[in-house]
C-alpha atoms as a PDB file:
ATOM      1  CA  MET A   1       0.000   0.000   0.000  1.00  0.00           C
ATOM      2  CA  GLY A   2       1.628   3.204  -1.157  1.00  0.00           C
ATOM      3  CA  LEU A   3       2.371   6.302   0.876  1.00  0.00           C
ATOM      4  CA  LEU A   4       0.764   9.491  -0.348  1.00  0.00           C
ATOM      5  CA  GLN A   5       0.388  12.766   1.485  1.00  0.00           C
ATOM      6  CA  ALA A   6      -2.846  14.080  -0.063  1.00  0.00           C
ATOM      7  CA  ILE A   7      -6.004  12.837  -1.735  1.00  0.00           C
ATOM      8  CA  SER A   8      -6.925  15.860  -3.825  1.00  0.00           C
ATOM      9  CA  PRO A   9      -4.730  17.888  -6.188  1.00  0.00           C
ATOM     10  CA  ASN A  10      -6.756  21.021  -5.585  1.00  0.00           C
ATOM     11  CA  VAL A  11      -7.158  21.075  -1.800  1.00  0.00           C
ATOM     12  CA  SER A  12      -4.444  22.079   0.654  1.00  0.00           C
ATOM     13  CA  ASN A  13      -4.451  20.295   4.025  1.00  0.00           C
ATOM     14  CA  PRO A  14      -7.852  18.664   3.332  1.00  0.00           C
ATOM     15  CA  PHE A  15      -8.248  17.184   6.803  1.00  0.00           C
ATOM     16  CA  GLY A  16      -7.759  20.478   8.592  1.00  0.00           C
ATOM     17  CA  TYR A  17      -4.445  19.746  10.348  1.00  0.00           C
ATOM     18  CA  GLU A  18      -2.815  23.095  11.001  1.00  0.00           C
ATOM     19  CA  ASN A  19       0.835  23.914  11.731  1.00  0.00           C
ATOM     20  CA  CYS A  20       2.077  20.466  10.649  1.00  0.00           C
ATOM     21  CA  ASP A  21       5.047  22.246   9.049  1.00  0.00           C
ATOM     22  CA  GLN A  22       6.223  23.255  12.539  1.00  0.00           C
ATOM     23  CA  GLU A  23       6.146  19.755  14.025  1.00  0.00           C
ATOM     24  CA  GLN A  24       9.608  18.495  15.076  1.00  0.00           C
ATOM     25  CA  ILE A  25       9.032  14.964  13.847  1.00  0.00           C
ATOM     26  CA  HIS A  26      12.658  13.918  14.425  1.00  0.00           C
ATOM     27  CA  LEU A  27      12.344  14.745  18.150  1.00  0.00           C
ATOM     28  CA  LEU A  28       9.119  12.912  19.009  1.00  0.00           C
ATOM     29  CA  GLY A  29      10.910  10.576  21.433  1.00  0.00           C
ATOM     30  CA  HIS A  30       8.996   7.470  20.344  1.00  0.00           C
ATOM     31  CA  ILE A  31       9.530   4.520  18.005  1.00  0.00           C
ATOM     32  CA  GLN A  32       7.215   2.103  16.229  1.00  0.00           C
ATOM     33  CA  SER A  33       6.293  -0.915  18.319  1.00  0.00           C
ATOM     34  CA  HIS A  34       7.620  -3.718  16.104  1.00  0.00           C
ATOM     35  CA  GLY A  35      11.254  -3.118  17.108  1.00  0.00           C
ATOM     36  CA  ILE A  36      13.569  -2.043  19.911  1.00  0.00           C
ATOM     37  CA  LEU A  37      15.878   0.968  20.073  1.00  0.00           C
ATOM     38  CA  ILE A  38      18.957   0.997  22.309  1.00  0.00           C
ATOM     39  CA  GLY A  39      21.116   4.084  22.860  1.00  0.00           C
ATOM     40  CA  ILE A  40      24.608   2.972  23.889  1.00  0.00           C
ATOM     41  CA  ASN A  41      27.215   5.134  25.594  1.00  0.00           C
ATOM     42  CA  GLU A  42      30.352   4.282  23.630  1.00  0.00           C
ATOM     43  CA  LEU A  43      32.697   5.422  26.420  1.00  0.00           C
ATOM     44  CA  ASP A  44      31.688   2.780  28.947  1.00  0.00           C
ATOM     45  CA  LEU A  45      29.453   0.478  26.854  1.00  0.00           C
ATOM     46  CA  THR A  46      26.379   1.008  28.992  1.00  0.00           C
ATOM     47  CA  ILE A  47      22.748   1.436  28.013  1.00  0.00           C
ATOM     48  CA  ALA A  48      21.910   5.144  28.114  1.00  0.00           C
ATOM     49  CA  GLN A  49      18.428   4.999  26.570  1.00  0.00           C
ATOM     50  CA  ILE A  50      16.092   2.245  25.491  1.00  0.00           C
ATOM     51  CA  SER A  51      12.583   1.889  24.107  1.00  0.00           C
ATOM     52  CA  ASP A  52       9.940   1.094  26.686  1.00  0.00           C
ATOM     53  CA  ASN A  53       8.832  -2.209  25.142  1.00  0.00           C
ATOM     54  CA  THR A  54      11.485  -4.643  26.375  1.00  0.00           C
ATOM     55  CA  ILE A  55       8.898  -6.180  28.668  1.00  0.00           C
ATOM     56  CA  GLU A  56       7.031  -7.417  25.585  1.00  0.00           C
ATOM     57  CA  PHE A  57      10.156  -8.870  23.962  1.00  0.00           C
ATOM     58  CA  PHE A  58      12.166 -10.143  26.948  1.00  0.00           C
ATOM     59  CA  ASN A  59       9.903  -9.809  29.996  1.00  0.00           C
ATOM     60  CA  ILE A  60      12.326  -7.232  31.387  1.00  0.00           C
ATOM     61  CA  PRO A  61      11.202  -3.657  32.165  1.00  0.00           C
ATOM     62  CA  ALA A  62      13.132  -0.993  30.285  1.00  0.00           C
ATOM     63  CA  SER A  63      13.777   1.043  33.440  1.00  0.00           C
ATOM     64  CA  SER A  64      15.851  -1.791  34.906  1.00  0.00           C
ATOM     65  CA  LEU A  65      18.218  -1.717  31.908  1.00  0.00           C
ATOM     66  CA  ILE A  66      19.208   1.949  32.071  1.00  0.00           C
ATOM     67  CA  GLU A  67      22.916   2.470  32.904  1.00  0.00           C
ATOM     68  CA  GLN A  68      23.493  -1.288  32.836  1.00  0.00           C
ATOM     69  CA  PRO A  69      26.434  -2.849  30.935  1.00  0.00           C
ATOM     70  CA  LEU A  70      25.720  -4.412  27.555  1.00  0.00           C
ATOM     71  CA  SER A  71      26.315  -7.843  29.071  1.00  0.00           C
ATOM     72  CA  ILE A  72      22.829  -7.665  30.589  1.00  0.00           C
ATOM     73  CA  LEU A  73      21.443  -8.233  27.086  1.00  0.00           C
ATOM     74  CA  PHE A  74      24.267  -9.361  24.822  1.00  0.00           C
ATOM     75  CA  PRO A  75      26.525 -12.437  25.002  1.00  0.00           C
ATOM     76  CA  GLU A  76      30.240 -11.721  25.089  1.00  0.00           C
ATOM     77  CA  PRO A  77      30.917 -12.686  21.438  1.00  0.00           C
ATOM     78  CA  GLN A  78      28.208 -10.257  20.321  1.00  0.00           C
ATOM     79  CA  ILE A  79      29.687  -7.457  22.442  1.00  0.00           C
ATOM     80  CA  ASP A  80      33.096  -8.092  20.853  1.00  0.00           C
ATOM     81  CA  ILE A  81      31.529  -7.712  17.409  1.00  0.00           C
ATOM     82  CA  LEU A  82      29.796  -4.473  18.400  1.00  0.00           C
ATOM     83  CA  VAL A  83      33.067  -3.100  19.802  1.00  0.00           C
ATOM     84  CA  SER A  84      34.827  -3.912  16.531  1.00  0.00           C
ATOM     85  CA  PHE A  85      32.148  -1.916  14.702  1.00  0.00           C
ATOM     86  CA  LEU A  86      32.711   1.081  16.963  1.00  0.00           C
ATOM     87  CA  SER A  87      36.274   1.487  15.723  1.00  0.00           C
ATOM     88  CA  ARG A  88      34.929   2.476  12.315  1.00  0.00           C
ATOM     89  CA  LYS A  89      33.615   5.950  11.604  1.00  0.00           C
ATOM     90  CA  ASP A  90      31.238   4.761   8.904  1.00  0.00           C
ATOM     91  CA  LEU A  91      28.810   2.350  10.539  1.00  0.00           C
ATOM     92  CA  GLU A  92      26.660   2.184   7.425  1.00  0.00           C
ATOM     93  CA  ILE A  93      28.930  -0.442   5.867  1.00  0.00           C
ATOM     94  CA  PHE A  94      27.822  -2.914   8.554  1.00  0.00           C
ATOM     95  CA  ASN A  95      24.071  -2.355   8.093  1.00  0.00           C
ATOM     96  CA  PRO A  96      22.072  -4.480   8.354  1.00  0.00           C
ATOM     97  CA  THR A  97      23.738  -7.001  10.635  1.00  0.00           C
ATOM     98  CA  LYS A  98      22.527 -10.009  12.568  1.00  0.00           C
ATOM     99  CA  ILE A  99      22.359  -9.330  16.312  1.00  0.00           C
ATOM    100  CA  THR A 100      21.996 -11.902  19.085  1.00  0.00           C
ATOM    101  CA  ILE A 101      20.491 -11.075  22.456  1.00  0.00           C
ATOM    102  CA  GLN A 102      20.783 -13.648  25.205  1.00  0.00           C
ATOM    103  CA  ILE A 103      18.937 -13.547  28.519  1.00  0.00           C
ATOM    104  CA  GLU A 104      19.830 -16.522  30.678  1.00  0.00           C
ATOM    105  CA  GLN A 105      19.288 -19.495  28.345  1.00  0.00           C
ATOM    106  CA  ASN A 106      17.012 -17.704  25.910  1.00  0.00           C
ATOM    107  CA  LYS A 107      18.433 -16.399  22.636  1.00  0.00           C
ATOM    108  CA  TYR A 108      16.728 -13.892  20.364  1.00  0.00           C
ATOM    109  CA  LEU A 109      17.809 -13.075  16.823  1.00  0.00           C
ATOM    110  CA  PHE A 110      17.352  -9.600  15.356  1.00  0.00           C
ATOM    111  CA  GLN A 111      18.295  -7.585  12.335  1.00  0.00           C
ATOM    112  CA  GLY A 112      20.317  -4.644  13.596  1.00  0.00           C
ATOM    113  CA  ILE A 113      20.741  -1.164  12.110  1.00  0.00           C
ATOM    114  CA  MET A 114      23.298   1.227  13.622  1.00  0.00           C
ATOM    115  CA  HIS A 115      24.006   4.935  13.470  1.00  0.00           C
ATOM    116  CA  ARG A 116      25.387   7.633  15.757  1.00  0.00           C
ATOM    117  CA  SER A 117      23.352  10.460  17.230  1.00  0.00           C
ATOM    118  CA  ASP A 118      24.668  13.170  19.577  1.00  0.00           C
ATOM    119  CA  GLY A 119      27.330  11.014  21.212  1.00  0.00           C
ATOM    120  CA  LEU A 120      25.358   7.767  21.387  1.00  0.00           C
ATOM    121  CA  LEU A 121      25.485   4.630  19.279  1.00  0.00           C
ATOM    122  CA  ILE A 122      21.891   3.981  18.269  1.00  0.00           C
ATOM    123  CA  LEU A 123      21.172   0.293  17.733  1.00  0.00           C
ATOM    124  CA  GLU A 124      17.762  -0.531  16.276  1.00  0.00           C
ATOM    125  CA  LEU A 125      16.553  -4.114  16.385  1.00  0.00           C
ATOM    126  CA  GLU A 126      13.799  -5.864  14.454  1.00  0.00           C
ATOM    127  CA  PRO A 127      13.056  -9.582  14.961  1.00  0.00           C
ATOM    128  CA  LEU A 128      14.367 -11.802  12.207  1.00  0.00           C
ATOM    129  CA  PRO A 129      11.826 -14.084  10.511  1.00  0.00           C
ATOM    130  CA  THR A 130      11.996 -17.731  11.495  1.00  0.00           C
ATOM    131  CA  ASP A 131      11.640 -18.719   7.834  1.00  0.00           C
ATOM    132  CA  SER A 132      15.215 -19.328   6.724  1.00  0.00           C
ATOM    133  CA  ASP A 133      14.176 -19.295   3.067  1.00  0.00           C
ATOM    134  CA  SER A 134      12.779 -15.753   3.191  1.00  0.00           C
ATOM    135  CA  SER A 135      16.117 -13.997   2.638  1.00  0.00           C
ATOM    136  CA  LEU A 136      16.970 -16.293  -0.267  1.00  0.00           C
ATOM    137  CA  SER A 137      13.569 -15.659  -1.823  1.00  0.00           C
ATOM    138  CA  PHE A 138      14.060 -11.909  -1.478  1.00  0.00           C
ATOM    139  CA  TYR A 139      17.511 -12.193  -3.096  1.00  0.00           C
ATOM    140  CA  HIS A 140      16.073 -13.904  -6.174  1.00  0.00           C
ATOM    141  CA  LEU A 141      13.214 -11.403  -6.441  1.00  0.00           C
ATOM    142  CA  ALA A 142      15.597  -8.448  -6.142  1.00  0.00           C
ATOM    143  CA  LYS A 143      17.999  -9.919  -8.706  1.00  0.00           C
ATOM    144  CA  SER A 144      15.163 -10.494 -11.176  1.00  0.00           C
ATOM    145  CA  ALA A 145      13.817  -6.978 -10.585  1.00  0.00           C
ATOM    146  CA  ALA A 146      17.209  -5.379 -11.217  1.00  0.00           C
ATOM    147  CA  ALA A 147      17.627  -7.325 -14.451  1.00  0.00           C
ATOM    148  CA  ASN A 148      14.188  -6.267 -15.708  1.00  0.00           C
ATOM    149  CA  VAL A 149      14.661  -2.581 -14.852  1.00  0.00           C
ATOM    150  CA  ARG A 150      18.026  -2.487 -16.629  1.00  0.00           C
ATOM    151  CA  GLN A 151      16.260  -3.315 -19.875  1.00  0.00           C
ATOM    152  CA  ALA A 152      14.338  -0.020 -19.857  1.00  0.00           C
ATOM    153  CA  LYS A 153      14.917   2.228 -22.874  1.00  0.00           C
ATOM    154  CA  ASP A 154      14.291   5.536 -21.103  1.00  0.00           C
ATOM    155  CA  PHE A 155      13.337   7.093 -17.761  1.00  0.00           C
ATOM    156  CA  ALA A 156       9.597   6.762 -18.307  1.00  0.00           C
ATOM    157  CA  GLU A 157       9.869   3.052 -19.079  1.00  0.00           C
ATOM    158  CA  MET A 158      12.282   2.544 -16.185  1.00  0.00           C
ATOM    159  CA  SER A 159       9.830   4.198 -13.790  1.00  0.00           C
ATOM    160  CA  GLY A 160       6.999   1.973 -14.968  1.00  0.00           C
ATOM    161  CA  LEU A 161       9.092  -1.173 -14.625  1.00  0.00           C
ATOM    162  CA  LEU A 162      10.403  -0.106 -11.227  1.00  0.00           C
ATOM    163  CA  VAL A 163       6.973   0.242  -9.615  1.00  0.00           C
ATOM    164  CA  GLN A 164       5.895  -3.090 -11.087  1.00  0.00           C
ATOM    165  CA  GLU A 165       8.948  -4.914  -9.766  1.00  0.00           C
ATOM    166  CA  ILE A 166       8.774  -3.310  -6.315  1.00  0.00           C
ATOM    167  CA  ARG A 167       5.132  -4.337  -6.070  1.00  0.00           C
ATOM    168  CA  LYS A 168       6.078  -7.942  -6.888  1.00  0.00           C
ATOM    169  CA  ILE A 169       8.609  -7.904  -4.049  1.00  0.00           C
ATOM    170  CA  THR A 170       6.560  -6.079  -1.420  1.00  0.00           C
ATOM    171  CA  GLN A 171       3.087  -7.378  -2.330  1.00  0.00           C
ATOM    172  CA  CYS A 172       1.749  -3.901  -1.535  1.00  0.00           C
ATOM    173  CA  ASP A 173      -1.639  -2.798  -2.848  1.00  0.00           C
ATOM    174  CA  ARG A 174      -0.082   0.258  -4.469  1.00  0.00           C
ATOM    175  CA  VAL A 175       3.444   1.316  -5.430  1.00  0.00           C
ATOM    176  CA  MET A 176       4.017   4.738  -6.960  1.00  0.00           C
ATOM    177  CA  ILE A 177       6.759   7.182  -7.793  1.00  0.00           C
ATOM    178  CA  TYR A 178       6.026  10.689  -6.579  1.00  0.00           C
ATOM    179  CA  ARG A 179       8.244  13.359  -8.137  1.00  0.00           C
ATOM    180  CA  PHE A 180       9.010  16.640  -6.406  1.00  0.00           C
ATOM    181  CA  GLU A 181       8.828  19.643  -8.737  1.00  0.00           C
ATOM    182  CA  PRO A 182      11.123  22.731  -8.403  1.00  0.00           C
ATOM    183  CA  ASP A 183       8.479  24.487  -6.270  1.00  0.00           C
ATOM    184  CA  ASN A 184       8.215  21.360  -4.005  1.00  0.00           C
ATOM    185  CA  SER A 185       4.786  20.448  -5.278  1.00  0.00           C
ATOM    186  CA  GLY A 186       4.486  16.857  -6.433  1.00  0.00           C
ATOM    187  CA  ILE A 187       3.153  14.643  -9.186  1.00  0.00           C
ATOM    188  CA  VAL A 188       2.653  10.872  -9.371  1.00  0.00           C
ATOM    189  CA  ILE A 189       4.612   9.825 -12.446  1.00  0.00           C
ATOM    190  CA  ALA A 190       4.372   6.023 -12.217  1.00  0.00           C
ATOM    191  CA  GLU A 191       2.079   3.565 -10.483  1.00  0.00           C
ATOM    192  CA  ALA A 192       1.433  -0.151 -10.084  1.00  0.00           C
ATOM    193  CA  LYS A 193      -1.684  -1.055  -8.111  1.00  0.00           C
ATOM    194  CA  ASP A 194      -4.424  -3.496  -7.344  1.00  0.00           C
ATOM    195  CA  GLU A 195      -7.034  -3.110 -10.063  1.00  0.00           C
ATOM    196  CA  GLN A 196      -9.762  -2.669  -7.445  1.00  0.00           C
ATOM    197  CA  ILE A 197      -8.441   0.649  -6.095  1.00  0.00           C
ATOM    198  CA  GLU A 198      -8.538   4.074  -7.693  1.00  0.00           C
ATOM    199  CA  SER A 199      -5.526   5.408  -9.558  1.00  0.00           C
ATOM    200  CA  PHE A 200      -3.394   8.357  -8.413  1.00  0.00           C
ATOM    201  CA  LEU A 201      -1.318   8.397 -11.615  1.00  0.00           C
ATOM    202  CA  GLY A 202      -0.861  11.926 -12.960  1.00  0.00           C
ATOM    203  CA  LEU A 203      -2.315  13.679  -9.925  1.00  0.00           C
ATOM    204  CA  HIS A 204      -0.615  16.883  -8.740  1.00  0.00           C
ATOM    205  CA  PHE A 205      -0.245  17.806  -5.054  1.00  0.00           C
ATOM    206  CA  LEU A 206       0.546  21.065  -3.304  1.00  0.00           C
ATOM    207  CA  ALA A 207       3.946  21.705  -1.699  1.00  0.00           C
ATOM    208  CA  ASP A 208       2.578  22.014   1.833  1.00  0.00           C
ATOM    209  CA  ASP A 209       1.187  18.464   1.693  1.00  0.00           C
ATOM    210  CA  ILE A 210       4.731  17.356   2.602  1.00  0.00           C
ATOM    211  CA  PRO A 211       6.227  19.891   5.075  1.00  0.00           C
ATOM    212  CA  GLU A 212       9.777  21.157   4.612  1.00  0.00           C
ATOM    213  CA  LEU A 213      11.161  19.244   7.609  1.00  0.00           C
ATOM    214  CA  ALA A 214       9.676  15.992   6.322  1.00  0.00           C
ATOM    215  CA  ARG A 215      11.277  16.592   2.909  1.00  0.00           C
ATOM    216  CA  LYS A 216      14.656  17.184   4.571  1.00  0.00           C
ATOM    217  CA  LEU A 217      14.367  13.911   6.474  1.00  0.00           C
ATOM    218  CA  TYR A 218      13.797  12.059   3.209  1.00  0.00           C
ATOM    219  CA  TYR A 219      17.231  13.306   2.092  1.00  0.00           C
ATOM    220  CA  LYS A 220      18.862  12.075   5.307  1.00  0.00           C
ATOM    221  CA  ASN A 221      17.099   8.732   5.613  1.00  0.00           C
ATOM    222  CA  TRP A 222      16.327   7.161   2.245  1.00  0.00           C
ATOM    223  CA  LEU A 223      14.173   4.324   3.585  1.00  0.00           C
ATOM    224  CA  ARG A 224      11.016   4.917   5.587  1.00  0.00           C
ATOM    225  CA  GLN A 225       8.664   2.163   6.705  1.00  0.00           C
ATOM    226  CA  ILE A 226       5.424   2.367   8.642  1.00  0.00           C
ATOM    227  CA  VAL A 227       4.638  -1.220   9.579  1.00  0.00           C
ATOM    228  CA  ASP A 228       1.253  -0.676  11.214  1.00  0.00           C
ATOM    229  CA  VAL A 229      -0.569   2.637  11.046  1.00  0.00           C
ATOM    230  CA  ASN A 230      -2.802   1.617  13.958  1.00  0.00           C
ATOM    231  CA  SER A 231      -0.078   0.524  16.391  1.00  0.00           C
ATOM    232  CA  HIS A 232       0.716   2.630  19.446  1.00  0.00           C
ATOM    233  CA  PRO A 233       4.106   4.423  19.510  1.00  0.00           C
ATOM    234  CA  VAL A 234       6.584   3.338  22.173  1.00  0.00           C
ATOM    235  CA  PRO A 235       8.362   5.993  24.265  1.00  0.00           C
ATOM    236  CA  ILE A 236      12.124   6.016  24.724  1.00  0.00           C
ATOM    237  CA  VAL A 237      13.341   6.126  28.331  1.00  0.00           C
ATOM    238  CA  PRO A 238      14.625   8.393  29.533  1.00  0.00           C
ATOM    239  CA  LEU A 239      13.137  10.893  27.084  1.00  0.00           C
ATOM    240  CA  ASN A 240      16.270  13.061  26.902  1.00  0.00           C
ATOM    241  CA  ASN A 241      19.682  11.995  25.694  1.00  0.00           C
ATOM    242  CA  PRO A 242      21.759  11.971  28.926  1.00  0.00           C
ATOM    243  CA  ILE A 243      24.724  13.502  27.086  1.00  0.00           C
ATOM    244  CA  THR A 244      22.920  16.485  25.617  1.00  0.00           C
ATOM    245  CA  GLN A 245      19.946  16.663  28.023  1.00  0.00           C
ATOM    246  CA  GLU A 246      17.810  17.195  24.925  1.00  0.00           C
ATOM    247  CA  PRO A 247      15.265  14.921  23.203  1.00  0.00           C
ATOM    248  CA  ILE A 248      17.019  12.206  21.252  1.00  0.00           C
ATOM    249  CA  ASP A 249      17.497  13.078  17.573  1.00  0.00           C
ATOM    250  CA  LEU A 250      15.962  10.272  15.484  1.00  0.00           C
ATOM    251  CA  SER A 251      16.602  11.794  12.056  1.00  0.00           C
ATOM    252  CA  PHE A 252      18.451   8.671  10.887  1.00  0.00           C
ATOM    253  CA  SER A 253      16.287   6.178  12.742  1.00  0.00           C
ATOM    254  CA  THR A 254      14.485   3.427  10.832  1.00  0.00           C
ATOM    255  CA  LEU A 255      12.071   2.827  13.710  1.00  0.00           C
ATOM    256  CA  ARG A 256      11.223   6.484  14.365  1.00  0.00           C
ATOM    257  CA  SER A 257       7.567   6.904  15.232  1.00  0.00           C
ATOM    258  CA  VAL A 258       5.185   8.676  12.922  1.00  0.00           C
ATOM    259  CA  SER A 259       3.678  12.122  13.329  1.00  0.00           C
ATOM    260  CA  PRO A 260       0.156  11.854  14.827  1.00  0.00           C
ATOM    261  CA  ILE A 261      -0.950  14.235  12.083  1.00  0.00           C
ATOM    262  CA  HIS A 262       0.395  11.931   9.397  1.00  0.00           C
ATOM    263  CA  ILE A 263      -1.147   8.883  11.083  1.00  0.00           C
ATOM    264  CA  LYS A 264      -4.595  10.493  11.002  1.00  0.00           C
ATOM    265  CA  TYR A 265      -4.012  11.377   7.372  1.00  0.00           C
ATOM    266  CA  LEU A 266      -3.173   7.777   6.452  1.00  0.00           C
ATOM    267  CA  GLN A 267      -6.063   6.349   8.471  1.00  0.00           C
ATOM    268  CA  LYS A 268      -8.543   8.583   6.656  1.00  0.00           C
ATOM    269  CA  MET A 269      -7.084   7.339   3.371  1.00  0.00           C
ATOM    270  CA  GLY A 270      -7.547   3.706   4.445  1.00  0.00           C
ATOM    271  CA  VAL A 271      -3.790   3.034   4.481  1.00  0.00           C
ATOM    272  CA  SER A 272      -2.647   0.343   6.935  1.00  0.00           C
ATOM    273  CA  ALA A 273       1.100   0.280   6.177  1.00  0.00           C
ATOM    274  CA  SER A 274       3.573   2.019   3.878  1.00  0.00           C
ATOM    275  CA  PHE A 275       7.147   1.917   2.661  1.00  0.00           C
ATOM    276  CA  SER A 276       9.012   4.836   1.075  1.00  0.00           C
ATOM    277  CA  ILE A 277      12.303   5.003  -0.795  1.00  0.00           C
ATOM    278  CA  SER A 278      13.949   8.339  -1.612  1.00  0.00           C
ATOM    279  CA  LEU A 279      15.312   8.635  -5.137  1.00  0.00           C
ATOM    280  CA  ILE A 280      17.983  11.334  -5.241  1.00  0.00           C
ATOM    281  CA  SER A 281      19.322  12.897  -8.443  1.00  0.00           C
ATOM    282  CA  ALA A 282      22.300  15.298  -8.303  1.00  0.00           C
ATOM    283  CA  GLY A 283      21.548  16.098  -4.679  1.00  0.00           C
ATOM    284  CA  LYS A 284      17.899  16.799  -5.408  1.00  0.00           C
ATOM    285  CA  GLY A 285      14.918  14.762  -4.351  1.00  0.00           C
ATOM    286  CA  LEU A 286      13.678  13.189  -7.575  1.00  0.00           C
ATOM    287  CA  ALA A 287      10.930  10.946  -6.346  1.00  0.00           C
ATOM    288  CA  ARG A 288       9.567   8.613  -3.750  1.00  0.00           C
ATOM    289  CA  LYS A 289       7.844   5.282  -3.982  1.00  0.00           C
END
């Protein structure tokens, strides 16, 4: 199911949400509930912040993990691997990575994504699927998609093939490419969808449908997933980064919670989940799917 910020090309802010352009969406202090966020103090390898949902994953309250050494969650071999990552300035080369958490005799496997934010190592964890064939299946789908897209004769054909192939992989109801114009308005230039739903292809949308701060975040973080529009956001404890005494900056977070304004927008559109990819051309935002 595609992500779109408006339903009418001629109406600005159709649901009446005012001042959304002033919302500091990177400082909301919450994450989506399907994963765990851990803020690690690199100086002493202790847990400085953590999402308040560890009780659901490990039956351990988040408050009991604050200022504890990593060994409370991670086996020694896993800590050694994390420490080896810390010696590198560019953590992106290690993403994603398989992460093991062990509590007594229980082991939990996660996909881990790492970045640094205001002096902390931010480790985001999402449970790995138990189906061992899923990653292999995705590899074959992605390889086939890349081969098909490479056969495109021009940009228009490439765009059409791209949305078709992404829809095959994701099984979403709708996949579209939304191009930003020089004035920051937008147009849907390609679409693949379930035949039962209405088309957005060719529709134009006003610039204020996607606020300036949201557009900037799409440059910083090229992947954006909302797993469940109706899930409740999970607070991070403590709320403030203990190093800066300010709300934790989640600009580069994959689990960052969603603006309540945007959630209401998606719910009114009947969207249950979405996935966005930023397409950047010469430093400019070309499009999103």
